[in-house]
Protein backbone atom coordinates (compact mmCIF):
# COMPACT_ATOMS: atom_id res chain seq x y z
CA UNK A 1 -4.97 42.25 9.85
CA UNK A 2 -6.45 38.82 10.39
CA UNK A 3 -4.29 35.95 9.21
CA UNK A 4 -5.68 33.90 6.36
CA UNK A 5 -7.11 30.54 7.32
CA UNK A 6 -4.79 27.63 6.47
CA UNK A 7 -5.57 25.90 3.19
CA UNK A 8 -7.08 22.51 4.13
CA UNK A 9 -5.76 20.98 0.92
CA UNK A 10 -2.12 21.80 1.64
CA UNK A 11 -0.08 18.98 3.17
CA UNK A 12 0.32 19.25 6.94
CA UNK A 13 2.41 17.23 9.35
CA UNK A 14 0.91 18.61 12.54
CA UNK A 15 -2.38 16.74 12.58
CA UNK A 16 -3.84 15.84 15.97
CA UNK A 17 -5.87 12.83 16.97
CA UNK A 18 -8.88 15.03 17.66
CA UNK A 19 -8.72 16.60 14.19
CA UNK A 20 -8.62 13.24 12.43
CA UNK A 21 -11.39 11.91 14.65
CA UNK A 22 -13.52 14.91 13.66
CA UNK A 23 -13.04 14.03 10.00
CA UNK A 24 -14.26 10.47 10.60
CA UNK A 25 -17.30 11.90 12.41
CA UNK A 26 -18.40 14.07 9.48
CA UNK A 27 -21.64 13.12 7.70
CA UNK A 28 -20.72 10.59 5.02
CA UNK A 29 -21.62 12.75 2.03
CA UNK A 30 -19.81 15.79 3.46
CA UNK A 31 -16.67 13.72 4.09
CA UNK A 32 -16.68 12.40 0.52
CA UNK A 33 -17.26 15.90 -0.87
CA UNK A 34 -14.26 17.28 1.02
CA UNK A 35 -12.06 14.35 0.04
CA UNK A 36 -13.05 14.65 -3.62
CA UNK A 37 -12.24 18.36 -3.57
CA UNK A 38 -8.77 17.72 -2.16
CA UNK A 39 -8.22 14.85 -4.59
CA UNK A 40 -8.97 17.17 -7.52
CA UNK A 41 -6.57 19.74 -6.14
CA UNK A 42 -3.59 17.40 -6.57
CA UNK A 43 -4.64 14.74 -9.09
CA UNK A 44 -6.70 14.13 -12.19
CA UNK A 45 -9.75 12.31 -10.75
CA UNK A 46 -10.11 10.31 -13.95
CA UNK A 47 -6.71 8.64 -13.56
CA UNK A 48 -5.66 5.55 -11.61
CA UNK A 49 -2.09 4.36 -11.10
CA UNK A 50 -1.77 0.67 -12.05
CA UNK A 51 0.62 -1.64 -10.19
CA UNK A 52 1.29 -5.37 -10.20
CA UNK A 53 2.82 -7.36 -7.35
CA UNK A 54 4.92 -10.53 -7.51
CA UNK A 55 6.03 -12.75 -4.64
CA UNK A 56 9.71 -13.32 -5.37
CA UNK A 57 10.17 -15.42 -2.22
CA UNK A 58 7.10 -17.03 -0.66
CA UNK A 59 6.45 -18.43 2.82
CA UNK A 60 8.64 -19.46 5.74
CA UNK A 61 8.67 -15.99 7.25
CA UNK A 62 9.88 -15.86 10.89
CA UNK A 63 7.50 -12.99 11.72
CA UNK A 64 4.22 -13.72 13.50
CA UNK A 65 1.97 -11.17 11.75
CA UNK A 66 -1.48 -12.48 12.62
CA UNK A 67 -2.98 -11.69 9.23
CA UNK A 68 -0.37 -13.40 7.07
CA UNK A 69 -0.46 -16.80 5.37
CA UNK A 70 3.32 -16.71 4.95
CA UNK A 71 4.30 -16.89 8.61
CA UNK A 72 6.08 -20.05 9.71
CA UNK A 73 4.29 -19.75 13.06
CA UNK A 74 0.89 -20.78 11.64
CA UNK A 75 -0.48 -23.81 9.82
CA UNK A 76 -1.85 -22.14 6.70
CA UNK A 77 -0.98 -24.82 4.16
CA UNK A 78 1.36 -22.49 2.26
CA UNK A 79 4.54 -24.08 0.99
CA UNK A 80 7.74 -22.07 1.36
CA UNK A 81 9.81 -21.41 -1.74
CA UNK A 82 13.30 -20.13 -2.49
CA UNK A 83 14.11 -16.71 -3.91
CA UNK A 84 13.22 -16.60 -7.60
CA UNK A 85 15.86 -16.31 -10.29
CA UNK A 86 16.49 -12.87 -11.76
CA UNK A 87 15.50 -13.83 -15.31
CA UNK A 88 12.16 -15.27 -14.16
CA UNK A 89 11.30 -12.07 -12.28
CA UNK A 90 12.13 -9.89 -15.28
CA UNK A 91 9.98 -12.11 -17.49
CA UNK A 92 7.05 -11.68 -15.08
CA UNK A 93 7.60 -7.92 -15.12
CA UNK A 94 7.55 -7.87 -18.92
CA UNK A 95 4.22 -9.68 -18.90
CA UNK A 96 2.89 -7.22 -16.33
CA UNK A 97 3.90 -4.28 -18.50
CA UNK A 98 2.25 -5.87 -21.52
CA UNK A 99 -0.90 -6.17 -19.43
CA UNK A 100 -0.93 -2.46 -18.60
CA UNK A 101 1.01 -2.27 -15.32
CA UNK A 102 2.94 0.94 -14.70
CA UNK A 103 4.72 -0.11 -11.51
CA UNK A 104 6.07 -3.56 -10.70
CA UNK A 105 6.37 -4.52 -7.05
CA UNK A 106 8.51 -7.39 -5.73
CA UNK A 107 7.77 -8.89 -2.33
CA UNK A 108 9.78 -11.38 -0.27
CA UNK A 109 8.60 -13.13 2.90
CA UNK A 110 11.55 -12.05 5.02
CA UNK A 111 11.93 -10.41 8.41
CA UNK A 112 14.80 -8.44 6.92
CA UNK A 113 16.91 -8.33 3.78
CA UNK A 114 20.15 -10.29 4.14
CA UNK A 115 23.36 -8.88 2.71
CA UNK A 116 23.91 -12.13 0.79
CA UNK A 117 20.62 -11.63 -1.08
CA UNK A 118 21.05 -7.92 -1.78
CA UNK A 119 23.02 -8.27 -5.07
CA UNK A 120 20.43 -10.66 -6.52
CA UNK A 121 17.52 -8.43 -5.55
CA UNK A 122 19.40 -5.43 -6.91
CA UNK A 123 19.77 -7.26 -10.24
CA UNK A 124 16.01 -7.86 -10.31
CA UNK A 125 15.36 -4.19 -9.67
CA UNK A 126 17.78 -3.11 -12.39
CA UNK A 127 16.21 -5.51 -14.87
CA UNK A 128 12.67 -4.37 -14.15
CA UNK A 129 13.75 -0.73 -14.32
CA UNK A 130 15.30 -1.46 -17.71
CA UNK A 131 11.86 -2.42 -19.02
CA UNK A 132 10.64 1.12 -18.38
CA UNK A 133 8.56 0.23 -15.32
CA UNK A 134 8.55 1.97 -11.96
CA UNK A 135 10.08 -0.36 -9.39
CA UNK A 136 8.91 -1.17 -5.89
CA UNK A 137 10.05 -3.75 -3.35
CA UNK A 138 8.90 -5.00 0.04
CA UNK A 139 11.58 -7.13 1.68
CA UNK A 140 11.19 -6.55 5.41
CA UNK A 141 13.54 -4.38 7.42
CA UNK A 142 16.48 -2.65 5.71
CA UNK A 143 19.74 -1.21 6.94
CA UNK A 144 20.94 2.12 5.61
CA UNK A 145 23.65 0.53 3.38
CA UNK A 146 21.11 -1.92 1.93
CA UNK A 147 18.71 0.93 1.17
CA UNK A 148 21.48 2.79 -0.65
CA UNK A 149 22.33 -0.34 -2.66
CA UNK A 150 18.72 -0.76 -3.76
CA UNK A 151 18.52 2.90 -4.69
CA UNK A 152 21.66 2.55 -6.80
CA UNK A 153 20.04 -0.40 -8.60
CA UNK A 154 17.10 1.78 -9.60
CA UNK A 155 14.53 1.22 -6.86
CA UNK A 156 11.83 3.90 -7.00
CA UNK A 157 9.59 2.86 -4.08
CA UNK A 158 9.95 0.76 -0.95
CA UNK A 159 6.86 -0.64 0.73
CA UNK A 160 6.95 -1.07 4.49
CA UNK A 161 3.54 -0.85 6.11
CA UNK A 162 2.87 0.17 9.71
CA UNK A 163 -0.09 -2.27 9.59
CA UNK A 164 -2.20 -0.53 12.25
CA UNK A 165 -2.11 2.13 14.95
CA UNK A 166 0.56 1.84 17.66
CA UNK A 167 -1.92 0.92 20.41
CA UNK A 168 -3.27 -2.12 18.53
CA UNK A 169 0.02 -3.18 17.02
CA UNK A 170 1.00 -5.81 19.61
CA UNK A 171 -2.29 -7.62 18.93
CA UNK A 172 -1.20 -8.02 15.32
CA UNK A 173 2.54 -8.79 15.51
CA UNK A 174 5.03 -9.33 18.35
CA UNK A 175 8.24 -10.21 16.47
CA UNK A 176 8.95 -6.67 15.22
CA UNK A 177 8.43 -3.42 17.06
CA UNK A 178 6.67 -0.36 15.77
CA UNK A 179 9.89 1.59 16.12
CA UNK A 180 11.72 -0.91 13.93
CA UNK A 181 9.19 -0.23 11.21
CA UNK A 182 9.71 3.51 11.60
CA UNK A 183 13.48 3.02 11.51
CA UNK A 184 13.24 1.21 8.17
CA UNK A 185 11.10 4.03 6.77
CA UNK A 186 13.76 6.50 7.87
CA UNK A 187 16.53 4.47 6.18
CA UNK A 188 14.51 4.30 2.96
CA UNK A 189 13.82 8.02 2.99
CA UNK A 190 17.47 8.85 3.75
CA UNK A 191 18.56 6.79 0.72
CA UNK A 192 16.34 8.87 -1.55
CA UNK A 193 13.78 6.13 -2.20
CA UNK A 194 10.09 7.06 -2.25
CA UNK A 195 8.05 5.55 0.57
CA UNK A 196 5.02 3.29 0.17
CA UNK A 197 3.43 2.89 3.59
CA UNK A 198 -0.09 2.23 4.84
CA UNK A 199 -1.90 -0.46 6.73
CA UNK A 200 -4.63 -3.05 7.01
CA UNK A 201 -8.18 -2.68 8.31
CA UNK A 202 -10.66 -5.36 9.31
CA UNK A 203 -8.30 -7.05 11.79
CA UNK A 204 -10.55 -6.47 14.81
CA UNK A 205 -9.28 -2.94 15.41
CA UNK A 206 -11.53 -0.04 16.36
CA UNK A 207 -11.96 3.30 14.67
CA UNK A 208 -9.63 4.68 17.34
CA UNK A 209 -6.91 2.34 16.06
CA UNK A 210 -7.55 3.37 12.46
CA UNK A 211 -7.25 7.01 13.48
CA UNK A 212 -3.98 6.11 15.22
CA UNK A 213 -2.62 4.62 11.99
CA UNK A 214 -3.51 7.67 9.91
CA UNK A 215 -2.10 9.97 12.60
CA UNK A 216 1.24 8.15 12.37
CA UNK A 217 1.29 8.44 8.58
CA UNK A 218 0.20 12.07 8.55
CA UNK A 219 2.86 13.14 11.05
CA UNK A 220 5.86 11.38 9.50
CA UNK A 221 8.71 13.72 8.51
CA UNK A 222 7.34 13.41 4.97
CA UNK A 223 4.06 11.84 3.90
CA UNK A 224 4.33 8.52 2.04
CA UNK A 225 4.31 8.98 -1.72
CA UNK A 226 2.09 5.88 -1.86
CA UNK A 227 -0.41 5.01 0.86
CA UNK A 228 -2.00 1.56 0.52
CA UNK A 229 -5.17 0.75 2.47
CA UNK A 230 -5.71 -3.02 2.64
CA UNK A 231 -8.96 -4.72 3.62
CA UNK A 232 -8.04 -7.96 5.38
CA UNK A 233 -8.13 -11.02 3.17
CA UNK A 234 -8.62 -13.83 5.72
CA UNK A 235 -5.86 -16.45 5.57
CA UNK A 236 -7.17 -19.77 6.98
CA UNK A 237 -4.94 -20.83 9.85
CA UNK A 238 -3.75 -17.31 10.66
CA UNK A 239 -4.94 -15.93 14.04
CA UNK A 240 -6.79 -12.93 12.58
CA UNK A 241 -8.60 -14.90 9.89
CA UNK A 242 -11.81 -14.88 11.92
CA UNK A 243 -11.93 -11.12 12.43
CA UNK A 244 -15.27 -9.47 11.77
CA UNK A 245 -15.23 -7.67 8.41
CA UNK A 246 -15.09 -3.88 8.48
CA UNK A 247 -18.33 -2.12 7.56
CA UNK A 248 -18.08 -1.08 3.88
CA UNK A 249 -18.96 2.57 4.53
CA UNK A 250 -16.38 2.69 7.31
CA UNK A 251 -13.83 1.44 4.81
CA UNK A 252 -14.76 4.27 2.46
CA UNK A 253 -14.36 6.70 5.36
CA UNK A 254 -10.84 5.35 5.88
CA UNK A 255 -9.99 6.08 2.25
CA UNK A 256 -11.50 9.56 2.42
CA UNK A 257 -9.70 10.55 5.62
CA UNK A 258 -6.42 9.19 4.25
CA UNK A 259 -6.89 11.45 1.23
CA UNK A 260 -7.56 14.47 3.46
CA UNK A 261 -4.63 14.05 5.83
CA UNK A 262 -2.12 12.99 3.15
CA UNK A 263 -3.42 14.96 0.17
CA UNK A 264 -0.46 14.45 -2.17
CA UNK A 265 -0.12 10.71 -1.53
CA UNK A 266 -1.29 8.21 -4.10
CA UNK A 267 -3.89 6.33 -2.04
CA UNK A 268 -3.97 2.72 -3.15
CA UNK A 269 -7.12 0.63 -2.90
CA UNK A 270 -5.08 -2.45 -2.17
CA UNK A 271 -5.82 -5.99 -0.93
CA UNK A 272 -9.45 -6.92 -0.45
CA UNK A 273 -10.89 -5.73 -3.75
CA UNK A 274 -11.67 -9.33 -4.62
CA UNK A 275 -14.55 -9.29 -2.15
CA UNK A 276 -15.67 -5.70 -2.84
CA UNK A 277 -18.60 -4.85 -5.07
CA UNK A 278 -18.19 -2.59 -8.07
CA UNK A 279 -20.26 0.01 -6.25
CA UNK A 280 -18.04 -0.05 -3.15
CA UNK A 281 -14.92 0.37 -5.25
CA UNK A 282 -16.56 3.27 -7.08
CA UNK A 283 -17.19 4.99 -3.73
CA UNK A 284 -13.53 4.47 -2.82
CA UNK A 285 -12.41 6.17 -6.04
CA UNK A 286 -14.84 9.01 -5.33
CA UNK A 287 -13.33 9.29 -1.83
CA UNK A 288 -9.83 9.76 -3.22
CA UNK A 289 -8.35 6.35 -3.99
CA UNK A 290 -6.29 6.56 -7.18
CA UNK A 291 -4.25 3.37 -7.41
CA UNK A 292 -4.94 -0.35 -7.61
CA UNK A 293 -3.05 -3.60 -7.94
CA UNK A 294 -3.94 -5.64 -11.02
CA UNK A 295 -3.24 -9.30 -11.70
CA UNK A 296 -5.02 -12.36 -10.36
CA UNK A 297 -2.88 -12.62 -7.20
CA UNK A 298 -1.37 -10.31 -4.57
CA UNK A 299 1.53 -12.27 -3.12
CA UNK A 300 -0.58 -15.20 -1.90
CA UNK A 301 -4.10 -13.73 -1.83
CA UNK A 302 -6.74 -13.41 -4.51
CA UNK A 303 -7.27 -10.32 -6.61
CA UNK A 304 -9.91 -9.58 -9.26
CA UNK A 305 -9.30 -11.13 -12.66
CA UNK A 306 -7.83 -8.74 -15.24
CA UNK A 307 -11.04 -8.82 -17.28
CA UNK A 308 -13.01 -7.70 -14.20
CA UNK A 309 -10.70 -4.74 -13.68
CA UNK A 310 -10.89 -3.79 -17.34
CA UNK A 311 -14.68 -3.68 -17.05
CA UNK A 312 -14.54 -1.79 -13.77
CA UNK A 313 -12.30 0.96 -15.12
CA UNK A 314 -14.31 1.17 -18.33
CA UNK A 315 -17.61 1.40 -16.44
CA UNK A 316 -16.23 4.18 -14.23
CA UNK A 317 -14.50 6.03 -17.07
CA UNK A 318 -11.10 5.70 -15.40
CA UNK A 319 -7.82 5.45 -17.29
CA UNK A 320 -4.22 4.62 -16.34
CA UNK A 321 -2.32 7.49 -14.75
CA UNK A 322 -0.42 9.58 -17.28
CA UNK A 323 -2.05 7.96 -20.31
CA UNK A 324 -3.53 11.22 -21.61
CA UNK A 325 -0.22 13.03 -21.30
CA UNK A 326 1.57 10.20 -23.10
CA UNK A 327 -0.86 10.45 -26.01
CA UNK A 328 -0.58 14.24 -26.31
């Protein structure tokens, strides 16, 4: 008896470079068709998960990530600030919820979370969780005890991007190794926190590097629950600010292949929407993206105005994830 062919929509962790490359090489319409089929297998295609992101500690970061306005290594004109007070963060989260956000993400420009700051961040997480929002944080590298402390406070997701494929990584950042990023992901996963992990395109990388990034994500011990794909927002003064923009259809291919190799992940159309047309964003949703950040700012970069996003979702007939179930 001949064995049944593997279901292409089922999550796999044994992807090869050649297999992912073959997906990128598909005719554009065929790739989108396959991605849309897989998307419908796991999600309601009319739903989009809505998140909002707040910088709780801005600038002065000791890392040298070449895309980032917050690095102390570059003259970007960004003024460093201290860690926000807990009450102010909770107030921002309440406003975000009132504006329709379902998940509230807190980001700090740190290389790693310091033990002295952990109780204060934990209090922020607990306060945001108490509002009925999903919680997410991105604070740099974590130790296992810190991850457990954040989990105990109510942290649902931890964002720690790989940024790019391993072969291009040293052209993006030299102050943190790829393995250190993977180690933090392992600590987060071991603590029982869901993983938010993706990368950035448009930094001068090739398709080979983008395949390398997706290969890393697709072969992790468990796929990220959230997978953000960022289109570089140039930060004047940062080394990668002058990178040539990625071709829009290539960006859509990146979304579609991410959906195919990590079928159960929520694929977030993340930074860069501010310079995307409505039509390009629509193609990304068709290709399997089902999450966005709302609010006028993402950490330190621009994001579409809330009224623009309201029109976009209305024009496309998209609704916040879980809204229909909540009304039933």
